Amino acid sequence: MSDALNHPLTAALRPLLDAVGATAVAPAEARAEDVVLEWDGAPALAVRLPHLSSALDRLLAEMVRQFDGRPLTELDRADKQRVVALLEERGAFTVRHGVETVASALGVSRFTVYNYLNRQEKD
């Protein structure tokens, strides 16, 4: 394991990297699209951001964690509405096929997700 992966900056950022699905890599292994972070004026860590296509999957997994690990399909209507509201706050429906993906994960129709979103706008 490289020094970059054992660096204090990496340890401090680990919860954030895990939350957004990013990967820590050594600066020497950085690609052009990676973000290189410095510590005391020297490259200490490169951050490889995830592809957008996996963002919605990570958001749905986070919803499962927030609702005590229960499958989203087993949530009651109020909790499903809360999931839709939380996903809307996080931009889940800006991803192509977001409504369809969320509907499938919740075990409801697209129409139901749109109803939850419209209800949210009224409140």
PDB file of N, CA and C in Angstrom:
ATOM      1  N   MET A   1       0.847  -1.175   0.000  1.00  0.00           N
ATOM      2  CA  MET A   1       0.000   0.000   0.000  1.00  0.00           C
ATOM      3  C   MET A   1       0.890   1.235   0.000  1.00  0.00           C
ATOM      4  N   SER A   2       0.529   2.226  -0.786  1.00  0.00           N
ATOM      5  CA  SER A   2       1.380   3.402  -0.905  1.00  0.00           C
ATOM      6  C   SER A   2       1.240   4.309   0.311  1.00  0.00           C
ATOM      7  N   ASP A   3       2.207   5.215   0.452  1.00  0.00           N
ATOM      8  CA  ASP A   3       2.168   6.177   1.549  1.00  0.00           C
ATOM      9  C   ASP A   3       0.934   7.065   1.452  1.00  0.00           C
ATOM     10  N   ALA A   4       0.492   7.368   0.217  1.00  0.00           N
ATOM     11  CA  ALA A   4      -0.675   8.229   0.033  1.00  0.00           C
ATOM     12  C   ALA A   4      -1.922   7.616   0.678  1.00  0.00           C
ATOM     13  N   LEU A   5      -2.054   6.323   0.598  1.00  0.00           N
ATOM     14  CA  LEU A   5      -3.232   5.681   1.153  1.00  0.00           C
ATOM     15  C   LEU A   5      -3.168   5.561   2.670  1.00  0.00           C
ATOM     16  N   ASN A   6      -1.987   5.767   3.250  1.00  0.00           N
ATOM     17  CA  ASN A   6      -1.821   5.774   4.702  1.00  0.00           C
ATOM     18  C   ASN A   6      -1.672   7.193   5.250  1.00  0.00           C
ATOM     19  N   HIS A   7      -1.750   8.177   4.392  1.00  0.00           N
ATOM     20  CA  HIS A   7      -1.553   9.580   4.776  1.00  0.00           C
ATOM     21  C   HIS A   7      -2.695  10.046   5.688  1.00  0.00           C
ATOM     22  N   PRO A   8      -2.425  10.950   6.634  1.00  0.00           N
ATOM     23  CA  PRO A   8      -3.490  11.460   7.509  1.00  0.00           C
ATOM     24  C   PRO A   8      -4.624  12.143   6.739  1.00  0.00           C
ATOM     25  N   LEU A   9      -4.302  12.748   5.606  1.00  0.00           N
ATOM     26  CA  LEU A   9      -5.333  13.383   4.791  1.00  0.00           C
ATOM     27  C   LEU A   9      -6.309  12.328   4.269  1.00  0.00           C
ATOM     28  N   THR A  10      -5.785  11.198   3.862  1.00  0.00           N
ATOM     29  CA  THR A  10      -6.626  10.108   3.381  1.00  0.00           C
ATOM     30  C   THR A  10      -7.536   9.608   4.493  1.00  0.00           C
ATOM     31  N   ALA A  11      -6.986   9.455   5.675  1.00  0.00           N
ATOM     32  CA  ALA A  11      -7.787   9.002   6.822  1.00  0.00           C
ATOM     33  C   ALA A  11      -8.891  10.005   7.140  1.00  0.00           C
ATOM     34  N   ALA A  12      -8.570  11.287   7.068  1.00  0.00           N
ATOM     35  CA  ALA A  12      -9.556  12.318   7.374  1.00  0.00           C
ATOM     36  C   ALA A  12     -10.671  12.352   6.326  1.00  0.00           C
ATOM     37  N   LEU A  13     -10.312  12.079   5.076  1.00  0.00           N
ATOM     38  CA  LEU A  13     -11.286  12.154   3.991  1.00  0.00           C
ATOM     39  C   LEU A  13     -12.034  10.847   3.747  1.00  0.00           C
ATOM     40  N   ARG A  14     -11.600   9.762   4.362  1.00  0.00           N
ATOM     41  CA  ARG A  14     -12.188   8.445   4.089  1.00  0.00           C
ATOM     42  C   ARG A  14     -13.716   8.426   4.183  1.00  0.00           C
ATOM     43  N   PRO A  15     -14.332   8.983   5.239  1.00  0.00           N
ATOM     44  CA  PRO A  15     -15.803   8.954   5.293  1.00  0.00           C
ATOM     45  C   PRO A  15     -16.452   9.695   4.115  1.00  0.00           C
ATOM     46  N   LEU A  16     -15.857  10.788   3.701  1.00  0.00           N
ATOM     47  CA  LEU A  16     -16.388  11.527   2.560  1.00  0.00           C
ATOM     48  C   LEU A  16     -16.209  10.745   1.264  1.00  0.00           C
ATOM     49  N   LEU A  17     -15.033  10.165   1.079  1.00  0.00           N
ATOM     50  CA  LEU A  17     -14.780   9.365  -0.116  1.00  0.00           C
ATOM     51  C   LEU A  17     -15.762   8.202  -0.208  1.00  0.00           C
ATOM     52  N   ASP A  18     -15.990   7.536   0.919  1.00  0.00           N
ATOM     53  CA  ASP A  18     -16.925   6.415   0.932  1.00  0.00           C
ATOM     54  C   ASP A  18     -18.350   6.875   0.633  1.00  0.00           C
ATOM     55  N   ALA A  19     -18.726   8.018   1.182  1.00  0.00           N
ATOM     56  CA  ALA A  19     -20.094   8.517   0.996  1.00  0.00           C
ATOM     57  C   ALA A  19     -20.396   8.871  -0.454  1.00  0.00           C
ATOM     58  N   VAL A  20     -19.406   9.381  -1.162  1.00  0.00           N
ATOM     59  CA  VAL A  20     -19.643   9.787  -2.554  1.00  0.00           C
ATOM     60  C   VAL A  20     -19.183   8.728  -3.549  1.00  0.00           C
ATOM     61  N   GLY A  21     -18.630   7.643  -3.052  1.00  0.00           N
ATOM     62  CA  GLY A  21     -18.186   6.574  -3.940  1.00  0.00           C
ATOM     63  C   GLY A  21     -16.877   6.860  -4.646  1.00  0.00           C
ATOM     64  N   ALA A  22     -16.075   7.755  -4.083  1.00  0.00           N
ATOM     65  CA  ALA A  22     -14.778   8.091  -4.670  1.00  0.00           C
ATOM     66  C   ALA A  22     -13.714   7.106  -4.205  1.00  0.00           C
ATOM     67  N   THR A  23     -12.609   7.095  -4.927  1.00  0.00           N
ATOM     68  CA  THR A  23     -11.500   6.196  -4.608  1.00  0.00           C
ATOM     69  C   THR A  23     -10.239   7.018  -4.381  1.00  0.00           C
ATOM     70  N   ALA A  24      -9.487   6.675  -3.343  1.00  0.00           N
ATOM     71  CA  ALA A  24      -8.196   7.306  -3.084  1.00  0.00           C
ATOM     72  C   ALA A  24      -7.128   6.562  -3.866  1.00  0.00           C
ATOM     73  N   VAL A  25      -6.286   7.315  -4.572  1.00  0.00           N
ATOM     74  CA  VAL A  25      -5.166   6.717  -5.302  1.00  0.00           C
ATOM     75  C   VAL A  25      -3.909   7.546  -5.036  1.00  0.00           C
ATOM     76  N   ALA A  26      -2.795   6.925  -5.231  1.00  0.00           N
ATOM     77  CA  ALA A  26      -1.519   7.635  -5.059  1.00  0.00           C
ATOM     78  C   ALA A  26      -1.401   8.701  -6.148  1.00  0.00           C
ATOM     79  N   PRO A  27      -0.835   9.856  -5.812  1.00  0.00           N
ATOM     80  CA  PRO A  27      -0.685  10.921  -6.814  1.00  0.00           C
ATOM     81  C   PRO A  27       0.062  10.457  -8.072  1.00  0.00           C
ATOM     82  N   ALA A  28       1.011   9.561  -7.918  1.00  0.00           N
ATOM     83  CA  ALA A  28       1.766   9.069  -9.077  1.00  0.00           C
ATOM     84  C   ALA A  28       0.883   8.253 -10.025  1.00  0.00           C
ATOM     85  N   GLU A  29      -0.241   7.748  -9.515  1.00  0.00           N
ATOM     86  CA  GLU A  29      -1.160   6.947 -10.319  1.00  0.00           C
ATOM     87  C   GLU A  29      -2.351   7.754 -10.822  1.00  0.00           C
ATOM     88  N   ALA A  30      -2.329   9.067 -10.561  1.00  0.00           N
ATOM     89  CA  ALA A  30      -3.461   9.923 -10.922  1.00  0.00           C
ATOM     90  C   ALA A  30      -3.625  10.025 -12.429  1.00  0.00           C
ATOM     91  N   ARG A  31      -4.874  10.039 -12.837  1.00  0.00           N
ATOM     92  CA  ARG A  31      -5.234  10.279 -14.233  1.00  0.00           C
ATOM     93  C   ARG A  31      -5.570  11.763 -14.382  1.00  0.00           C
ATOM     94  N   ALA A  32      -5.710  12.201 -15.608  1.00  0.00           N
ATOM     95  CA  ALA A  32      -6.011  13.612 -15.867  1.00  0.00           C
ATOM     96  C   ALA A  32      -7.314  14.050 -15.201  1.00  0.00           C
ATOM     97  N   GLU A  33      -8.302  13.146 -15.105  1.00  0.00           N
ATOM     98  CA  GLU A  33      -9.599  13.514 -14.538  1.00  0.00           C
ATOM     99  C   GLU A  33      -9.635  13.425 -13.012  1.00  0.00           C
ATOM    100  N   ASP A  34      -8.589  12.905 -12.380  1.00  0.00           N
ATOM    101  CA  ASP A  34      -8.544  12.804 -10.925  1.00  0.00           C
ATOM    102  C   ASP A  34      -8.232  14.164 -10.305  1.00  0.00           C
ATOM    103  N   VAL A  35      -8.638  14.315  -9.054  1.00  0.00           N
ATOM    104  CA  VAL A  35      -8.362  15.540  -8.298  1.00  0.00           C
ATOM    105  C   VAL A  35      -7.187  15.247  -7.364  1.00  0.00           C
ATOM    106  N   VAL A  36      -6.087  15.969  -7.563  1.00  0.00           N
ATOM    107  CA  VAL A  36      -4.901  15.772  -6.732  1.00  0.00           C
ATOM    108  C   VAL A  36      -4.931  16.786  -5.594  1.00  0.00           C
ATOM    109  N   LEU A  37      -4.842  16.279  -4.367  1.00  0.00           N
ATOM    110  CA  LEU A  37      -4.858  17.124  -3.174  1.00  0.00           C
ATOM    111  C   LEU A  37      -3.444  17.241  -2.619  1.00  0.00           C
ATOM    112  N   GLU A  38      -3.137  18.433  -2.156  1.00  0.00           N
ATOM    113  CA  GLU A  38      -1.796  18.678  -1.606  1.00  0.00           C
ATOM    114  C   GLU A  38      -1.846  18.795  -0.095  1.00  0.00           C
ATOM    115  N   TRP A  39      -0.702  18.486   0.499  1.00  0.00           N
ATOM    116  CA  TRP A  39      -0.500  18.607   1.958  1.00  0.00           C
ATOM    117  C   TRP A  39       0.865  19.235   2.121  1.00  0.00           C
ATOM    118  N   ASP A  40       0.937  20.340   2.791  1.00  0.00           N
ATOM    119  CA  ASP A  40       2.200  21.075   2.969  1.00  0.00           C
ATOM    120  C   ASP A  40       2.907  21.320   1.638  1.00  0.00           C
ATOM    121  N   GLY A  41       2.142  21.663   0.607  1.00  0.00           N
ATOM    122  CA  GLY A  41       2.701  22.050  -0.677  1.00  0.00           C
ATOM    123  C   GLY A  41       3.128  20.915  -1.582  1.00  0.00           C
ATOM    124  N   ALA A  42       2.864  19.682  -1.193  1.00  0.00           N
ATOM    125  CA  ALA A  42       3.254  18.535  -2.019  1.00  0.00           C
ATOM    126  C   ALA A  42       2.037  17.637  -2.266  1.00  0.00           C
ATOM    127  N   PRO A  43       1.946  17.017  -3.434  1.00  0.00           N
ATOM    128  CA  PRO A  43       0.823  16.109  -3.693  1.00  0.00           C
ATOM    129  C   PRO A  43       0.798  14.987  -2.657  1.00  0.00           C
ATOM    130  N   ALA A  44      -0.361  14.803  -2.027  1.00  0.00           N
ATOM    131  CA  ALA A  44      -0.482  13.794  -0.981  1.00  0.00           C
ATOM    132  C   ALA A  44      -1.454  12.681  -1.351  1.00  0.00           C
ATOM    133  N   LEU A  45      -2.422  13.015  -2.180  1.00  0.00           N
ATOM    134  CA  LEU A  45      -3.496  12.078  -2.455  1.00  0.00           C
ATOM    135  C   LEU A  45      -4.210  12.496  -3.732  1.00  0.00           C
ATOM    136  N   ALA A  46      -4.584  11.535  -4.533  1.00  0.00           N
ATOM    137  CA  ALA A  46      -5.438  11.802  -5.686  1.00  0.00           C
ATOM    138  C   ALA A  46      -6.795  11.164  -5.413  1.00  0.00           C
ATOM    139  N   VAL A  47      -7.834  11.859  -5.808  1.00  0.00           N
ATOM    140  CA  VAL A  47      -9.198  11.366  -5.603  1.00  0.00           C
ATOM    141  C   VAL A  47      -9.803  11.068  -6.970  1.00  0.00           C
ATOM    142  N   ARG A  48     -10.226   9.839  -7.132  1.00  0.00           N
ATOM    143  CA  ARG A  48     -10.887   9.421  -8.373  1.00  0.00           C
ATOM    144  C   ARG A  48     -12.384   9.408  -8.104  1.00  0.00           C
ATOM    145  N   LEU A  49     -13.078  10.314  -8.758  1.00  0.00           N
ATOM    146  CA  LEU A  49     -14.520  10.434  -8.571  1.00  0.00           C
ATOM    147  C   LEU A  49     -15.246   9.334  -9.340  1.00  0.00           C
ATOM    148  N   PRO A  50     -16.404   8.926  -8.833  1.00  0.00           N
ATOM    149  CA  PRO A  50     -17.143   7.848  -9.498  1.00  0.00           C
ATOM    150  C   PRO A  50     -17.841   8.356 -10.759  1.00  0.00           C
ATOM    151  N   HIS A  51     -18.225   7.434 -11.595  1.00  0.00           N
ATOM    152  CA  HIS A  51     -19.005   7.776 -12.775  1.00  0.00           C
ATOM    153  C   HIS A  51     -20.411   8.142 -12.337  1.00  0.00           C
ATOM    154  N   LEU A  52     -21.027   9.064 -13.044  1.00  0.00           N
ATOM    155  CA  LEU A  52     -22.372   9.503 -12.717  1.00  0.00           C
ATOM    156  C   LEU A  52     -23.370   8.356 -12.736  1.00  0.00           C
ATOM    157  N   SER A  53     -23.138   7.381 -13.592  1.00  0.00           N
ATOM    158  CA  SER A  53     -24.084   6.269 -13.728  1.00  0.00           C
ATOM    159  C   SER A  53     -24.272   5.497 -12.428  1.00  0.00           C
ATOM    160  N   SER A  54     -23.300   5.515 -11.549  1.00  0.00           N
ATOM    161  CA  SER A  54     -23.434   4.774 -10.290  1.00  0.00           C
ATOM    162  C   SER A  54     -23.977   5.638  -9.155  1.00  0.00           C
ATOM    163  N   ALA A  55     -24.189   6.926  -9.412  1.00  0.00           N
ATOM    164  CA  ALA A  55     -24.632   7.834  -8.358  1.00  0.00           C
ATOM    165  C   ALA A  55     -25.994   7.440  -7.790  1.00  0.00           C
ATOM    166  N   LEU A  56     -26.930   7.112  -8.655  1.00  0.00           N
ATOM    167  CA  LEU A  56     -28.261   6.764  -8.177  1.00  0.00           C
ATOM    168  C   LEU A  56     -28.240   5.472  -7.368  1.00  0.00           C
ATOM    169  N   ASP A  57     -27.435   4.522  -7.771  1.00  0.00           N
ATOM    170  CA  ASP A  57     -27.307   3.284  -6.999  1.00  0.00           C
ATOM    171  C   ASP A  57     -26.789   3.570  -5.593  1.00  0.00           C
ATOM    172  N   ARG A  58     -25.811   4.479  -5.496  1.00  0.00           N
ATOM    173  CA  ARG A  58     -25.283   4.840  -4.173  1.00  0.00           C
ATOM    174  C   ARG A  58     -26.339   5.550  -3.334  1.00  0.00           C
ATOM    175  N   LEU A  59     -27.124   6.426  -3.968  1.00  0.00           N
ATOM    176  CA  LEU A  59     -28.184   7.125  -3.237  1.00  0.00           C
ATOM    177  C   LEU A  59     -29.231   6.135  -2.718  1.00  0.00           C
ATOM    178  N   LEU A  60     -29.596   5.172  -3.545  1.00  0.00           N
ATOM    179  CA  LEU A  60     -30.571   4.177  -3.105  1.00  0.00           C
ATOM    180  C   LEU A  60     -30.016   3.323  -1.972  1.00  0.00           C
ATOM    181  N   ALA A  61     -28.754   2.961  -2.057  1.00  0.00           N
ATOM    182  CA  ALA A  61     -28.127   2.193  -0.968  1.00  0.00           C
ATOM    183  C   ALA A  61     -28.112   3.013   0.321  1.00  0.00           C
ATOM    184  N   GLU A  62     -27.885   4.301   0.193  1.00  0.00           N
ATOM    185  CA  GLU A  62     -27.905   5.178   1.370  1.00  0.00           C
ATOM    186  C   GLU A  62     -29.304   5.231   1.972  1.00  0.00           C
ATOM    187  N   MET A  63     -30.316   5.227   1.139  1.00  0.00           N
ATOM    188  CA  MET A  63     -31.693   5.228   1.650  1.00  0.00           C
ATOM    189  C   MET A  63     -31.971   3.950   2.438  1.00  0.00           C
ATOM    190  N   VAL A  64     -31.495   2.826   1.951  1.00  0.00           N
ATOM    191  CA  VAL A  64     -31.659   1.566   2.683  1.00  0.00           C
ATOM    192  C   VAL A  64     -31.002   1.691   4.053  1.00  0.00           C
ATOM    193  N   ARG A  65     -29.792   2.240   4.095  1.00  0.00           N
ATOM    194  CA  ARG A  65     -29.095   2.416   5.386  1.00  0.00           C
ATOM    195  C   ARG A  65     -29.885   3.343   6.307  1.00  0.00           C
ATOM    196  N   GLN A  66     -30.415   4.435   5.754  1.00  0.00           N
ATOM    197  CA  GLN A  66     -31.151   5.389   6.591  1.00  0.00           C
ATOM    198  C   GLN A  66     -32.443   4.812   7.146  1.00  0.00           C
ATOM    199  N   PHE A  67     -32.999   3.845   6.449  1.00  0.00           N
ATOM    200  CA  PHE A  67     -34.237   3.227   6.903  1.00  0.00           C
ATOM    201  C   PHE A  67     -33.964   1.848   7.514  1.00  0.00           C
ATOM    202  N   ASP A  68     -32.909   1.798   8.310  1.00  0.00           N
ATOM    203  CA  ASP A  68     -32.565   0.634   9.138  1.00  0.00           C
ATOM    204  C   ASP A  68     -32.304  -0.642   8.347  1.00  0.00           C
ATOM    205  N   GLY A  69     -31.817  -0.500   7.124  1.00  0.00           N
ATOM    206  CA  GLY A  69     -31.460  -1.667   6.335  1.00  0.00           C
ATOM    207  C   GLY A  69     -32.636  -2.418   5.733  1.00  0.00           C
ATOM    208  N   ARG A  70     -33.834  -1.898   5.934  1.00  0.00           N
ATOM    209  CA  ARG A  70     -35.012  -2.564   5.364  1.00  0.00           C
ATOM    210  C   ARG A  70     -35.043  -2.374   3.852  1.00  0.00           C
ATOM    211  N   PRO A  71     -35.437  -3.389   3.116  1.00  0.00           N
ATOM    212  CA  PRO A  71     -35.599  -3.203   1.663  1.00  0.00           C
ATOM    213  C   PRO A  71     -36.607  -2.085   1.406  1.00  0.00           C
ATOM    214  N   LEU A  72     -36.330  -1.256   0.440  1.00  0.00           N
ATOM    215  CA  LEU A  72     -37.201  -0.111   0.165  1.00  0.00           C
ATOM    216  C   LEU A  72     -38.605  -0.557  -0.239  1.00  0.00           C
ATOM    217  N   THR A  73     -38.715  -1.718  -0.841  1.00  0.00           N
ATOM    218  CA  THR A  73     -40.028  -2.216  -1.244  1.00  0.00           C
ATOM    219  C   THR A  73     -40.914  -2.541  -0.044  1.00  0.00           C
ATOM    220  N   GLU A  74     -40.310  -2.744   1.123  1.00  0.00           N
ATOM    221  CA  GLU A  74     -41.069  -3.100   2.325  1.00  0.00           C
ATOM    222  C   GLU A  74     -41.462  -1.884   3.171  1.00  0.00           C
ATOM    223  N   LEU A  75     -41.051  -0.704   2.774  1.00  0.00           N
ATOM    224  CA  LEU A  75     -41.406   0.495   3.525  1.00  0.00           C
ATOM    225  C   LEU A  75     -42.886   0.807   3.344  1.00  0.00           C
ATOM    226  N   ASP A  76     -43.478   1.457   4.353  1.00  0.00           N
ATOM    227  CA  ASP A  76     -44.862   1.882   4.188  1.00  0.00           C
ATOM    228  C   ASP A  76     -44.915   3.132   3.303  1.00  0.00           C
ATOM    229  N   ARG A  77     -46.110   3.538   2.962  1.00  0.00           N
ATOM    230  CA  ARG A  77     -46.294   4.647   2.019  1.00  0.00           C
ATOM    231  C   ARG A  77     -45.613   5.930   2.496  1.00  0.00           C
ATOM    232  N   ALA A  78     -45.766   6.257   3.759  1.00  0.00           N
ATOM    233  CA  ALA A  78     -45.168   7.492   4.286  1.00  0.00           C
ATOM    234  C   ALA A  78     -43.646   7.459   4.171  1.00  0.00           C
ATOM    235  N   ASP A  79     -43.043   6.321   4.472  1.00  0.00           N
ATOM    236  CA  ASP A  79     -41.588   6.199   4.357  1.00  0.00           C
ATOM    237  C   ASP A  79     -41.145   6.266   2.898  1.00  0.00           C
ATOM    238  N   LYS A  80     -41.910   5.667   2.001  1.00  0.00           N
ATOM    239  CA  LYS A  80     -41.579   5.754   0.580  1.00  0.00           C
ATOM    240  C   LYS A  80     -41.655   7.195   0.100  1.00  0.00           C
ATOM    241  N   GLN A  81     -42.635   7.937   0.585  1.00  0.00           N
ATOM    242  CA  GLN A  81     -42.737   9.357   0.238  1.00  0.00           C
ATOM    243  C   GLN A  81     -41.522  10.116   0.774  1.00  0.00           C
ATOM    244  N   ARG A  82     -41.082   9.762   1.950  1.00  0.00           N
ATOM    245  CA  ARG A  82     -39.890  10.400   2.539  1.00  0.00           C
ATOM    246  C   ARG A  82     -38.653  10.062   1.725  1.00  0.00           C
ATOM    247  N   VAL A  83     -38.531   8.819   1.272  1.00  0.00           N
ATOM    248  CA  VAL A  83     -37.405   8.425   0.416  1.00  0.00           C
ATOM    249  C   VAL A  83     -37.399   9.264  -0.850  1.00  0.00           C
ATOM    250  N   VAL A  84     -38.551   9.415  -1.481  1.00  0.00           N
ATOM    251  CA  VAL A  84     -38.636  10.221  -2.709  1.00  0.00           C
ATOM    252  C   VAL A  84     -38.233  11.664  -2.420  1.00  0.00           C
ATOM    253  N   ALA A  85     -38.679  12.206  -1.303  1.00  0.00           N
ATOM    254  CA  ALA A  85     -38.319  13.584  -0.946  1.00  0.00           C
ATOM    255  C   ALA A  85     -36.811  13.717  -0.735  1.00  0.00           C
ATOM    256  N   LEU A  86     -36.216  12.769  -0.032  1.00  0.00           N
ATOM    257  CA  LEU A  86     -34.770  12.813   0.203  1.00  0.00           C
ATOM    258  C   LEU A  86     -33.994  12.679  -1.106  1.00  0.00           C
ATOM    259  N   LEU A  87     -34.457  11.778  -1.972  1.00  0.00           N
ATOM    260  CA  LEU A  87     -33.784  11.605  -3.262  1.00  0.00           C
ATOM    261  C   LEU A  87     -33.924  12.851  -4.131  1.00  0.00           C
ATOM    262  N   GLU A  88     -35.070  13.501  -4.060  1.00  0.00           N
ATOM    263  CA  GLU A  88     -35.269  14.742  -4.812  1.00  0.00           C
ATOM    264  C   GLU A  88     -34.291  15.817  -4.316  1.00  0.00           C
ATOM    265  N   GLU A  89     -34.127  15.925  -2.997  1.00  0.00           N
ATOM    266  CA  GLU A  89     -33.181  16.895  -2.421  1.00  0.00           C
ATOM    267  C   GLU A  89     -31.763  16.643  -2.908  1.00  0.00           C
ATOM    268  N   ARG A  90     -31.419  15.389  -3.142  1.00  0.00           N
ATOM    269  CA  ARG A  90     -30.061  15.013  -3.553  1.00  0.00           C
ATOM    270  C   ARG A  90     -29.895  14.957  -5.073  1.00  0.00           C
ATOM    271  N   GLY A  91     -30.946  15.329  -5.809  1.00  0.00           N
ATOM    272  CA  GLY A  91     -30.828  15.410  -7.257  1.00  0.00           C
ATOM    273  C   GLY A  91     -30.973  14.102  -7.996  1.00  0.00           C
ATOM    274  N   ALA A  92     -31.563  13.109  -7.368  1.00  0.00           N
ATOM    275  CA  ALA A  92     -31.664  11.784  -7.987  1.00  0.00           C
ATOM    276  C   ALA A  92     -32.473  11.787  -9.273  1.00  0.00           C
ATOM    277  N   PHE A  93     -33.393  12.721  -9.382  1.00  0.00           N
ATOM    278  CA  PHE A  93     -34.263  12.698 -10.543  1.00  0.00           C
ATOM    279  C   PHE A  93     -33.714  13.513 -11.715  1.00  0.00           C
ATOM    280  N   THR A  94     -32.491  13.993 -11.564  1.00  0.00           N
ATOM    281  CA  THR A  94     -31.819  14.638 -12.697  1.00  0.00           C
ATOM    282  C   THR A  94     -31.055  13.607 -13.530  1.00  0.00           C
ATOM    283  N   VAL A  95     -30.877  12.421 -12.971  1.00  0.00           N
ATOM    284  CA  VAL A  95     -30.196  11.326 -13.667  1.00  0.00           C
ATOM    285  C   VAL A  95     -31.178  10.705 -14.651  1.00  0.00           C
ATOM    286  N   ARG A  96     -30.706  10.408 -15.834  1.00  0.00           N
ATOM    287  CA  ARG A  96     -31.566   9.790 -16.836  1.00  0.00           C
ATOM    288  C   ARG A  96     -32.171   8.493 -16.296  1.00  0.00           C
ATOM    289  N   HIS A  97     -33.452   8.337 -16.476  1.00  0.00           N
ATOM    290  CA  HIS A  97     -34.218   7.179 -16.001  1.00  0.00           C
ATOM    291  C   HIS A  97     -34.286   7.137 -14.481  1.00  0.00           C
ATOM    292  N   GLY A  98     -34.084   8.262 -13.825  1.00  0.00           N
ATOM    293  CA  GLY A  98     -34.117   8.300 -12.367  1.00  0.00           C
ATOM    294  C   GLY A  98     -35.457   7.888 -11.797  1.00  0.00           C
ATOM    295  N   VAL A  99     -36.540   8.401 -12.378  1.00  0.00           N
ATOM    296  CA  VAL A  99     -37.872   8.065 -11.860  1.00  0.00           C
ATOM    297  C   VAL A  99     -38.126   6.571 -12.000  1.00  0.00           C
ATOM    298  N   GLU A 100     -37.781   6.013 -13.148  1.00  0.00           N
ATOM    299  CA  GLU A 100     -38.003   4.586 -13.373  1.00  0.00           C
ATOM    300  C   GLU A 100     -37.185   3.740 -12.405  1.00  0.00           C
ATOM    301  N   THR A 101     -35.937   4.138 -12.189  1.00  0.00           N
ATOM    302  CA  THR A 101     -35.062   3.388 -11.297  1.00  0.00           C
ATOM    303  C   THR A 101     -35.566   3.436  -9.859  1.00  0.00           C
ATOM    304  N   VAL A 102     -35.988   4.618  -9.423  1.00  0.00           N
ATOM    305  CA  VAL A 102     -36.503   4.770  -8.059  1.00  0.00           C
ATOM    306  C   VAL A 102     -37.814   4.008  -7.906  1.00  0.00           C
ATOM    307  N   ALA A 103     -38.679   4.092  -8.899  1.00  0.00           N
ATOM    308  CA  ALA A 103     -39.949   3.366  -8.838  1.00  0.00           C
ATOM    309  C   ALA A 103     -39.697   1.873  -8.672  1.00  0.00           C
ATOM    310  N   SER A 104     -38.772   1.344  -9.440  1.00  0.00           N
ATOM    311  CA  SER A 104     -38.445  -0.078  -9.349  1.00  0.00           C
ATOM    312  C   SER A 104     -37.901  -0.425  -7.962  1.00  0.00           C
ATOM    313  N   ALA A 105     -37.009   0.416  -7.442  1.00  0.00           N
ATOM    314  CA  ALA A 105     -36.411   0.164  -6.125  1.00  0.00           C
ATOM    315  C   ALA A 105     -37.458   0.201  -5.014  1.00  0.00           C
ATOM    316  N   LEU A 106     -38.481   1.053  -5.175  1.00  0.00           N
ATOM    317  CA  LEU A 106     -39.525   1.171  -4.158  1.00  0.00           C
ATOM    318  C   LEU A 106     -40.655   0.162  -4.356  1.00  0.00           C
ATOM    319  N   GLY A 107     -40.687  -0.471  -5.531  1.00  0.00           N
ATOM    320  CA  GLY A 107     -41.765  -1.406  -5.814  1.00  0.00           C
ATOM    321  C   GLY A 107     -43.082  -0.712  -6.112  1.00  0.00           C
ATOM    322  N   VAL A 108     -42.996   0.474  -6.728  1.00  0.00           N
ATOM    323  CA  VAL A 108     -44.185   1.241  -7.100  1.00  0.00           C
ATOM    324  C   VAL A 108     -44.081   1.612  -8.586  1.00  0.00           C
ATOM    325  N   SER A 109     -45.114   2.226  -9.097  1.00  0.00           N
ATOM    326  CA  SER A 109     -45.102   2.644 -10.496  1.00  0.00           C
ATOM    327  C   SER A 109     -44.439   4.022 -10.642  1.00  0.00           C
ATOM    328  N   ARG A 110     -44.076   4.341 -11.867  1.00  0.00           N
ATOM    329  CA  ARG A 110     -43.547   5.689 -12.152  1.00  0.00           C
ATOM    330  C   ARG A 110     -44.594   6.730 -11.776  1.00  0.00           C
ATOM    331  N   PHE A 111     -45.844   6.429 -12.086  1.00  0.00           N
ATOM    332  CA  PHE A 111     -46.943   7.337 -11.782  1.00  0.00           C
ATOM    333  C   PHE A 111     -46.970   7.659 -10.286  1.00  0.00           C
ATOM    334  N   THR A 112     -46.757   6.656  -9.457  1.00  0.00           N
ATOM    335  CA  THR A 112     -46.738   6.854  -8.002  1.00  0.00           C
ATOM    336  C   THR A 112     -45.586   7.777  -7.600  1.00  0.00           C
ATOM    337  N   VAL A 113     -44.408   7.564  -8.174  1.00  0.00           N
ATOM    338  CA  VAL A 113     -43.271   8.439  -7.854  1.00  0.00           C
ATOM    339  C   VAL A 113     -43.595   9.873  -8.254  1.00  0.00           C
ATOM    340  N   TYR A 114     -44.172  10.064  -9.439  1.00  0.00           N
ATOM    341  CA  TYR A 114     -44.557  11.418  -9.864  1.00  0.00           C
ATOM    342  C   TYR A 114     -45.591  12.012  -8.912  1.00  0.00           C
ATOM    343  N   ASN A 115     -46.532  11.192  -8.441  1.00  0.00           N
ATOM    344  CA  ASN A 115     -47.510  11.682  -7.462  1.00  0.00           C
ATOM    345  C   ASN A 115     -46.823  12.121  -6.174  1.00  0.00           C
ATOM    346  N   TYR A 116     -45.841  11.329  -5.705  1.00  0.00           N
ATOM    347  CA  TYR A 116     -45.104  11.703  -4.498  1.00  0.00           C
ATOM    348  C   TYR A 116     -44.371  13.024  -4.717  1.00  0.00           C
ATOM    349  N   LEU A 117     -43.772  13.192  -5.886  1.00  0.00           N
ATOM    350  CA  LEU A 117     -43.054  14.429  -6.191  1.00  0.00           C
ATOM    351  C   LEU A 117     -44.017  15.616  -6.255  1.00  0.00           C
ATOM    352  N   ASN A 118     -45.175  15.416  -6.887  1.00  0.00           N
ATOM    353  CA  ASN A 118     -46.157  16.498  -6.981  1.00  0.00           C
ATOM    354  C   ASN A 118     -46.715  16.852  -5.613  1.00  0.00           C
ATOM    355  N   ARG A 119     -46.925  15.863  -4.778  1.00  0.00           N
ATOM    356  CA  ARG A 119     -47.422  16.101  -3.425  1.00  0.00           C
ATOM    357  C   ARG A 119     -46.404  16.916  -2.629  1.00  0.00           C
ATOM    358  N   GLN A 120     -45.157  16.590  -2.839  1.00  0.00           N
ATOM    359  CA  GLN A 120     -44.075  17.294  -2.163  1.00  0.00           C
ATOM    360  C   GLN A 120     -44.055  18.771  -2.552  1.00  0.00           C
ATOM    361  N   GLU A 121     -44.279  19.066  -3.842  1.00  0.00           N
ATOM    362  CA  GLU A 121     -44.279  20.456  -4.321  1.00  0.00           C
ATOM    363  C   GLU A 121     -45.409  21.255  -3.676  1.00  0.00           C
ATOM    364  N   LYS A 122     -46.547  20.597  -3.427  1.00  0.00           N
ATOM    365  CA  LYS A 122     -47.701  21.279  -2.827  1.00  0.00           C
ATOM    366  C   LYS A 122     -47.451  21.615  -1.359  1.00  0.00           C
ATOM    367  N   ASP A 123     -46.663  20.789  -0.682  1.00  0.00           N
ATOM    368  CA  ASP A 123     -46.413  20.982   0.769  1.00  0.00           C
ATOM    369  C   ASP A 123     -45.443  22.060   1.026  1.00  0.00           C
TER     370      ASP A 123
END
